[in-house]
């Protein structure tokens, strides 16, 4: 379960930032996760609940926003959203496409108390 490693990194990063901003508590952590990132939201929730006790994020709310896959056709330049399995360009049917969104995972923001 790589979500535990990911959440360890998230908690380390938000705790460092919170301390640099003289926070006494983190009340919310907001993540953006691409649908193609292979990150399971349920596992991230579980990891957050398991790893946050004893940190400034203990009791905080974890919010995750999912980003849909989006690709660009290398043949005609069309940009289009799609599901995890269908990458063909809807304009020209080319399979020569490049994923431009949907693999990201980053901390969007956090809310703190000082």
C-alpha atoms as a PDB file:
ATOM      1  CA  UNK A   1       0.000   0.000   0.000  1.00  0.00           C
ATOM      2  CA  UNK A   2       2.008   2.977  -1.261  1.00  0.00           C
ATOM      3  CA  UNK A   3      -0.606   5.369   0.119  1.00  0.00           C
ATOM      4  CA  UNK A   4       1.048   5.126   3.555  1.00  0.00           C
ATOM      5  CA  UNK A   5       4.330   6.364   2.072  1.00  0.00           C
ATOM      6  CA  UNK A   6       2.529   9.122   0.183  1.00  0.00           C
ATOM      7  CA  UNK A   7       0.614  10.211   3.279  1.00  0.00           C
ATOM      8  CA  UNK A   8       3.805  10.206   5.350  1.00  0.00           C
ATOM      9  CA  UNK A   9       5.250  12.681   2.864  1.00  0.00           C
ATOM     10  CA  UNK A  10       2.077  14.780   2.872  1.00  0.00           C
ATOM     11  CA  UNK A  11       1.997  14.959   6.667  1.00  0.00           C
ATOM     12  CA  UNK A  12       5.713  15.798   6.855  1.00  0.00           C
ATOM     13  CA  UNK A  13       5.265  18.617   4.335  1.00  0.00           C
ATOM     14  CA  UNK A  14       2.173  20.164   5.927  1.00  0.00           C
ATOM     15  CA  UNK A  15       3.639  19.906   9.412  1.00  0.00           C
ATOM     16  CA  UNK A  16       6.835  21.706   8.341  1.00  0.00           C
ATOM     17  CA  UNK A  17       4.802  24.435   6.637  1.00  0.00           C
ATOM     18  CA  UNK A  18       2.439  24.741   9.604  1.00  0.00           C
ATOM     19  CA  UNK A  19       5.323  25.106  12.059  1.00  0.00           C
ATOM     20  CA  UNK A  20       6.975  27.731   9.820  1.00  0.00           C
ATOM     21  CA  UNK A  21       3.702  29.677  10.052  1.00  0.00           C
ATOM     22  CA  UNK A  22       3.442  29.351  13.848  1.00  0.00           C
ATOM     23  CA  UNK A  23       0.400  27.064  13.673  1.00  0.00           C
ATOM     24  CA  UNK A  24      -0.882  25.342  16.765  1.00  0.00           C
ATOM     25  CA  UNK A  25      -3.065  22.990  14.729  1.00  0.00           C
ATOM     26  CA  UNK A  26      -3.838  21.936  11.170  1.00  0.00           C
ATOM     27  CA  UNK A  27      -7.607  21.816  10.659  1.00  0.00           C
ATOM     28  CA  UNK A  28      -7.793  20.726   7.009  1.00  0.00           C
ATOM     29  CA  UNK A  29      -5.501  19.282   4.351  1.00  0.00           C
ATOM     30  CA  UNK A  30      -6.626  19.521   0.711  1.00  0.00           C
ATOM     31  CA  UNK A  31      -5.105  17.202  -1.881  1.00  0.00           C
ATOM     32  CA  UNK A  32      -5.519  17.011  -5.654  1.00  0.00           C
ATOM     33  CA  UNK A  33      -5.272  13.480  -7.021  1.00  0.00           C
ATOM     34  CA  UNK A  34      -5.363  12.466 -10.665  1.00  0.00           C
ATOM     35  CA  UNK A  35      -7.589   9.560 -11.645  1.00  0.00           C
ATOM     36  CA  UNK A  36      -4.615   7.950 -13.412  1.00  0.00           C
ATOM     37  CA  UNK A  37      -2.241   8.282 -10.439  1.00  0.00           C
ATOM     38  CA  UNK A  38      -3.132   4.836  -9.058  1.00  0.00           C
ATOM     39  CA  UNK A  39      -3.812   6.432  -5.659  1.00  0.00           C
ATOM     40  CA  UNK A  40      -6.869   5.057  -3.869  1.00  0.00           C
ATOM     41  CA  UNK A  41      -8.817   7.716  -1.984  1.00  0.00           C
ATOM     42  CA  UNK A  42     -10.053   5.203   0.589  1.00  0.00           C
ATOM     43  CA  UNK A  43      -6.493   4.107   1.310  1.00  0.00           C
ATOM     44  CA  UNK A  44      -5.383   7.745   1.621  1.00  0.00           C
ATOM     45  CA  UNK A  45      -8.199   8.347   4.131  1.00  0.00           C
ATOM     46  CA  UNK A  46      -7.135   5.270   6.090  1.00  0.00           C
ATOM     47  CA  UNK A  47      -3.465   6.300   6.042  1.00  0.00           C
ATOM     48  CA  UNK A  48      -4.370   9.827   7.173  1.00  0.00           C
ATOM     49  CA  UNK A  49      -6.410   8.487  10.087  1.00  0.00           C
ATOM     50  CA  UNK A  50      -3.625   6.079  11.054  1.00  0.00           C
ATOM     51  CA  UNK A  51      -0.683   8.489  10.704  1.00  0.00           C
ATOM     52  CA  UNK A  52      -2.052  11.866  11.831  1.00  0.00           C
ATOM     53  CA  UNK A  53      -2.426  11.157  15.598  1.00  0.00           C
ATOM     54  CA  UNK A  54       0.401  12.859  17.446  1.00  0.00           C
ATOM     55  CA  UNK A  55       0.947  15.405  14.657  1.00  0.00           C
ATOM     56  CA  UNK A  56      -0.400  18.922  14.183  1.00  0.00           C
ATOM     57  CA  UNK A  57      -2.918  17.352  11.775  1.00  0.00           C
ATOM     58  CA  UNK A  58      -4.508  15.136  14.408  1.00  0.00           C
ATOM     59  CA  UNK A  59      -8.284  15.504  14.071  1.00  0.00           C
ATOM     60  CA  UNK A  60      -7.963  17.486  10.830  1.00  0.00           C
ATOM     61  CA  UNK A  61     -10.255  17.010   7.835  1.00  0.00           C
ATOM     62  CA  UNK A  62      -8.754  15.487   4.681  1.00  0.00           C
ATOM     63  CA  UNK A  63     -10.321  16.694   1.420  1.00  0.00           C
ATOM     64  CA  UNK A  64      -9.391  15.174  -1.928  1.00  0.00           C
ATOM     65  CA  UNK A  65     -10.291  16.528  -5.365  1.00  0.00           C
ATOM     66  CA  UNK A  66     -10.117  14.052  -8.245  1.00  0.00           C
ATOM     67  CA  UNK A  67      -8.749  15.214 -11.630  1.00  0.00           C
ATOM     68  CA  UNK A  68     -10.137  13.453 -14.704  1.00  0.00           C
ATOM     69  CA  UNK A  69      -7.753  12.162 -17.361  1.00  0.00           C
ATOM     70  CA  UNK A  70      -7.150  14.584 -20.224  1.00  0.00           C
ATOM     71  CA  UNK A  71      -5.024  13.944 -23.298  1.00  0.00           C
ATOM     72  CA  UNK A  72      -3.768  15.769 -26.373  1.00  0.00           C
ATOM     73  CA  UNK A  73      -3.823  14.126 -29.778  1.00  0.00           C
ATOM     74  CA  UNK A  74      -0.361  14.157 -31.331  1.00  0.00           C
ATOM     75  CA  UNK A  75      -1.876  13.901 -34.820  1.00  0.00           C
ATOM     76  CA  UNK A  76      -4.405  16.755 -34.812  1.00  0.00           C
ATOM     77  CA  UNK A  77      -3.804  18.638 -31.530  1.00  0.00           C
ATOM     78  CA  UNK A  78      -7.280  18.009 -30.070  1.00  0.00           C
ATOM     79  CA  UNK A  79      -7.414  18.088 -26.253  1.00  0.00           C
ATOM     80  CA  UNK A  80     -10.052  15.864 -24.687  1.00  0.00           C
ATOM     81  CA  UNK A  81     -11.152  14.281 -21.431  1.00  0.00           C
ATOM     82  CA  UNK A  82     -11.607  10.523 -21.300  1.00  0.00           C
ATOM     83  CA  UNK A  83     -11.875   7.604 -18.926  1.00  0.00           C
ATOM     84  CA  UNK A  84      -9.010   5.386 -17.761  1.00  0.00           C
ATOM     85  CA  UNK A  85      -9.222   3.003 -20.716  1.00  0.00           C
ATOM     86  CA  UNK A  86     -10.133   5.006 -23.823  1.00  0.00           C
ATOM     87  CA  UNK A  87      -7.403   7.251 -25.233  1.00  0.00           C
ATOM     88  CA  UNK A  88      -8.400   7.501 -28.894  1.00  0.00           C
ATOM     89  CA  UNK A  89      -8.864  11.023 -30.192  1.00  0.00           C
ATOM     90  CA  UNK A  90     -12.568  11.814 -30.607  1.00  0.00           C
ATOM     91  CA  UNK A  91     -11.831  14.065 -33.606  1.00  0.00           C
ATOM     92  CA  UNK A  92      -9.520  11.898 -35.757  1.00  0.00           C
ATOM     93  CA  UNK A  93      -9.513   8.484 -33.987  1.00  0.00           C
ATOM     94  CA  UNK A  94      -5.726   8.509 -33.634  1.00  0.00           C
ATOM     95  CA  UNK A  95      -4.245   6.471 -30.802  1.00  0.00           C
ATOM     96  CA  UNK A  96      -1.160   8.706 -30.771  1.00  0.00           C
ATOM     97  CA  UNK A  97      -2.138  10.709 -27.707  1.00  0.00           C
ATOM     98  CA  UNK A  98      -0.301  12.172 -24.730  1.00  0.00           C
ATOM     99  CA  UNK A  99      -1.745  12.346 -21.220  1.00  0.00           C
ATOM    100  CA  UNK A 100      -1.653  15.991 -20.042  1.00  0.00           C
ATOM    101  CA  UNK A 101      -3.731  15.717 -16.849  1.00  0.00           C
ATOM    102  CA  UNK A 102      -4.836  13.002 -14.495  1.00  0.00           C
ATOM    103  CA  UNK A 103      -1.570  11.660 -13.037  1.00  0.00           C
ATOM    104  CA  UNK A 104      -0.926  14.492 -10.603  1.00  0.00           C
ATOM    105  CA  UNK A 105      -0.963  14.299  -6.837  1.00  0.00           C
ATOM    106  CA  UNK A 106      -0.178  17.380  -4.799  1.00  0.00           C
ATOM    107  CA  UNK A 107      -1.103  19.343  -1.716  1.00  0.00           C
ATOM    108  CA  UNK A 108      -3.464  22.088  -2.828  1.00  0.00           C
ATOM    109  CA  UNK A 109      -3.699  23.869   0.525  1.00  0.00           C
ATOM    110  CA  UNK A 110      -4.157  23.487   4.226  1.00  0.00           C
ATOM    111  CA  UNK A 111      -6.001  25.391   6.916  1.00  0.00           C
ATOM    112  CA  UNK A 112      -4.333  26.104  10.235  1.00  0.00           C
ATOM    113  CA  UNK A 113      -5.013  27.641  13.626  1.00  0.00           C
ATOM    114  CA  UNK A 114      -2.412  29.904  15.184  1.00  0.00           C
END
